Amino acid sequence: MVNFTNEIKEYENYSISSHQISSQIIGDKSFFINSEQFDIFFRFELQTSGYKTIVPKVVFPPVKMSSDSMNSYDYVVIDNKYDMSQNRKPIFTNRITNVYSSNYLSIR
């Protein structure tokens, strides 16, 4: 029972975190997502916010990658454990996910 409760709590933490990030980046933009779960939450946010025609590019299953040379998307979302970026600074970050913006190409 304790393990189940911990799994639910972890899922809820991920859900809340995804909602916070989504609310900051949602809009008529282009998105690249390399994540275990973020795309599920984000697609829901897009639909419920009226952005039904926005279709993010999703890599699943996720792979290790870098956002350093990706500038054809407005936002790039990568789970931390797959993020190999070295030269770009995320505009949002938490213990699970990094978010990069093509409009903010700052060097670390």
C-alpha atoms as a PDB file:
ATOM      1  CA  MET A   1       0.000   0.000   0.000  1.00  0.00           C
ATOM      2  CA  VAL A   2       2.847   2.398   0.832  1.00  0.00           C
ATOM      3  CA  ASN A   3       4.513   1.788  -2.544  1.00  0.00           C
ATOM      4  CA  PHE A   4       1.229   2.479  -4.360  1.00  0.00           C
ATOM      5  CA  THR A   5       0.766   5.711  -2.390  1.00  0.00           C
ATOM      6  CA  ASN A   6       4.314   6.803  -3.265  1.00  0.00           C
ATOM      7  CA  GLU A   7       3.714   6.087  -6.963  1.00  0.00           C
ATOM      8  CA  ILE A   8       0.498   8.133  -6.935  1.00  0.00           C
ATOM      9  CA  LYS A   9       2.269  10.992  -5.157  1.00  0.00           C
ATOM     10  CA  GLU A  10       5.102  10.919  -7.731  1.00  0.00           C
ATOM     11  CA  TYR A  11       2.589  10.948 -10.605  1.00  0.00           C
ATOM     12  CA  GLU A  12       0.734  13.890  -9.042  1.00  0.00           C
ATOM     13  CA  ASN A  13       4.005  15.796  -8.589  1.00  0.00           C
ATOM     14  CA  TYR A  14       4.786  15.225 -12.264  1.00  0.00           C
ATOM     15  CA  SER A  15       1.280  16.335 -13.229  1.00  0.00           C
ATOM     16  CA  ILE A  16       1.516  19.557 -11.221  1.00  0.00           C
ATOM     17  CA  SER A  17       4.992  20.284 -12.569  1.00  0.00           C
ATOM     18  CA  SER A  18       3.840  19.663 -16.151  1.00  0.00           C
ATOM     19  CA  HIS A  19       0.858  21.959 -15.678  1.00  0.00           C
ATOM     20  CA  GLN A  20       3.092  24.755 -14.371  1.00  0.00           C
ATOM     21  CA  ILE A  21       5.432  24.469 -17.361  1.00  0.00           C
ATOM     22  CA  SER A  22       2.569  24.125 -19.845  1.00  0.00           C
ATOM     23  CA  SER A  23       0.889  27.275 -18.584  1.00  0.00           C
ATOM     24  CA  GLN A  24       4.117  29.208 -19.272  1.00  0.00           C
ATOM     25  CA  ILE A  25       4.730  27.986 -22.832  1.00  0.00           C
ATOM     26  CA  ILE A  26       1.299  27.134 -24.249  1.00  0.00           C
ATOM     27  CA  GLY A  27       0.219  29.041 -27.324  1.00  0.00           C
ATOM     28  CA  ASP A  28       0.320  29.101 -31.097  1.00  0.00           C
ATOM     29  CA  LYS A  29       3.943  27.936 -31.176  1.00  0.00           C
ATOM     30  CA  SER A  30       6.013  24.945 -32.299  1.00  0.00           C
ATOM     31  CA  PHE A  31       7.106  22.340 -29.753  1.00  0.00           C
ATOM     32  CA  PHE A  32       9.633  19.509 -29.648  1.00  0.00           C
ATOM     33  CA  ILE A  33       9.171  17.097 -26.738  1.00  0.00           C
ATOM     34  CA  ASN A  34      11.569  14.356 -25.621  1.00  0.00           C
ATOM     35  CA  SER A  35       9.978  13.082 -22.428  1.00  0.00           C
ATOM     36  CA  GLU A  36       8.525  10.049 -20.745  1.00  0.00           C
ATOM     37  CA  GLN A  37       5.247  11.755 -19.790  1.00  0.00           C
ATOM     38  CA  PHE A  38       5.233  15.508 -20.433  1.00  0.00           C
ATOM     39  CA  ASP A  39       3.667  15.190 -23.888  1.00  0.00           C
ATOM     40  CA  ILE A  40       0.568  13.479 -22.434  1.00  0.00           C
ATOM     41  CA  PHE A  41      -0.087  16.332 -20.029  1.00  0.00           C
ATOM     42  CA  PHE A  42       0.833  18.970 -22.600  1.00  0.00           C
ATOM     43  CA  ARG A  43      -1.510  17.584 -25.273  1.00  0.00           C
ATOM     44  CA  PHE A  44      -4.317  17.710 -22.711  1.00  0.00           C
ATOM     45  CA  GLU A  45      -3.455  21.341 -21.907  1.00  0.00           C
ATOM     46  CA  LEU A  46      -3.416  22.212 -25.628  1.00  0.00           C
ATOM     47  CA  GLN A  47      -6.835  20.641 -26.182  1.00  0.00           C
ATOM     48  CA  THR A  48      -8.490  22.210 -23.147  1.00  0.00           C
ATOM     49  CA  SER A  49      -6.994  25.626 -23.952  1.00  0.00           C
ATOM     50  CA  GLY A  50      -8.369  25.661 -27.496  1.00  0.00           C
ATOM     51  CA  TYR A  51      -5.126  24.928 -29.374  1.00  0.00           C
ATOM     52  CA  LYS A  52      -6.547  21.872 -31.122  1.00  0.00           C
ATOM     53  CA  THR A  53      -4.482  22.347 -34.310  1.00  0.00           C
ATOM     54  CA  ILE A  54      -1.098  22.495 -32.551  1.00  0.00           C
ATOM     55  CA  VAL A  55       0.697  19.143 -32.848  1.00  0.00           C
ATOM     56  CA  PRO A  56       3.996  18.904 -30.968  1.00  0.00           C
ATOM     57  CA  LYS A  57       6.833  16.831 -32.412  1.00  0.00           C
ATOM     58  CA  VAL A  58       7.302  14.027 -29.890  1.00  0.00           C
ATOM     59  CA  VAL A  59      10.212  11.608 -29.527  1.00  0.00           C
ATOM     60  CA  PHE A  60       9.006   8.443 -27.841  1.00  0.00           C
ATOM     61  CA  PRO A  61      10.544   6.502 -26.368  1.00  0.00           C
ATOM     62  CA  PRO A  62      12.810   9.324 -25.236  1.00  0.00           C
ATOM     63  CA  VAL A  63      16.487   9.305 -26.175  1.00  0.00           C
ATOM     64  CA  LYS A  64      19.547  11.141 -24.921  1.00  0.00           C
ATOM     65  CA  MET A  65      19.883  14.347 -26.903  1.00  0.00           C
ATOM     66  CA  SER A  66      21.045  17.944 -26.869  1.00  0.00           C
ATOM     67  CA  SER A  67      19.043  21.080 -27.558  1.00  0.00           C
ATOM     68  CA  ASP A  68      22.198  23.041 -28.421  1.00  0.00           C
ATOM     69  CA  SER A  69      21.608  23.168 -32.166  1.00  0.00           C
ATOM     70  CA  MET A  70      17.801  22.985 -32.182  1.00  0.00           C
ATOM     71  CA  ASN A  71      16.449  26.339 -33.263  1.00  0.00           C
ATOM     72  CA  SER A  72      13.579  25.400 -35.575  1.00  0.00           C
ATOM     73  CA  TYR A  73      11.128  24.985 -32.660  1.00  0.00           C
ATOM     74  CA  ASP A  74       9.839  27.708 -30.373  1.00  0.00           C
ATOM     75  CA  TYR A  75      10.207  25.395 -27.372  1.00  0.00           C
ATOM     76  CA  VAL A  76      12.208  22.220 -26.753  1.00  0.00           C
ATOM     77  CA  VAL A  77      11.224  20.119 -23.726  1.00  0.00           C
ATOM     78  CA  ILE A  78      13.616  17.392 -22.549  1.00  0.00           C
ATOM     79  CA  ASP A  79      13.485  15.255 -19.422  1.00  0.00           C
ATOM     80  CA  ASN A  80      16.607  15.939 -17.360  1.00  0.00           C
ATOM     81  CA  LYS A  81      17.858  12.374 -17.540  1.00  0.00           C
ATOM     82  CA  TYR A  82      17.924  12.566 -21.359  1.00  0.00           C
ATOM     83  CA  ASP A  83      19.258  16.121 -21.654  1.00  0.00           C
ATOM     84  CA  MET A  84      22.831  16.345 -22.942  1.00  0.00           C
ATOM     85  CA  SER A  85      22.681  20.088 -23.701  1.00  0.00           C
ATOM     86  CA  GLN A  86      25.877  21.911 -22.825  1.00  0.00           C
ATOM     87  CA  ASN A  87      25.679  25.345 -24.427  1.00  0.00           C
ATOM     88  CA  ARG A  88      22.090  26.414 -23.872  1.00  0.00           C
ATOM     89  CA  LYS A  89      20.498  27.499 -20.651  1.00  0.00           C
ATOM     90  CA  PRO A  90      16.926  26.297 -19.970  1.00  0.00           C
ATOM     91  CA  ILE A  91      14.268  28.969 -19.525  1.00  0.00           C
ATOM     92  CA  PHE A  92      12.409  26.647 -17.123  1.00  0.00           C
ATOM     93  CA  THR A  93      13.794  23.761 -15.162  1.00  0.00           C
ATOM     94  CA  ASN A  94      12.698  21.501 -12.350  1.00  0.00           C
ATOM     95  CA  ARG A  95      13.847  18.147 -11.020  1.00  0.00           C
ATOM     96  CA  ILE A  96      12.261  16.329 -13.991  1.00  0.00           C
ATOM     97  CA  THR A  97      12.272  18.562 -17.067  1.00  0.00           C
ATOM     98  CA  ASN A  98      14.257  21.279 -18.863  1.00  0.00           C
ATOM     99  CA  VAL A  99      12.590  23.686 -21.292  1.00  0.00           C
ATOM    100  CA  TYR A 100      14.549  25.642 -23.893  1.00  0.00           C
ATOM    101  CA  SER A 101      13.356  28.483 -26.097  1.00  0.00           C
ATOM    102  CA  SER A 102      14.663  29.450 -29.530  1.00  0.00           C
ATOM    103  CA  ASN A 103      13.978  33.051 -28.567  1.00  0.00           C
ATOM    104  CA  TYR A 104      16.381  32.717 -25.654  1.00  0.00           C
ATOM    105  CA  LEU A 105      19.640  31.243 -26.895  1.00  0.00           C
ATOM    106  CA  SER A 106      21.783  32.215 -23.951  1.00  0.00           C
ATOM    107  CA  ILE A 107      25.065  30.433 -23.448  1.00  0.00           C
ATOM    108  CA  ARG A 108      25.726  28.764 -20.102  1.00  0.00           C
END
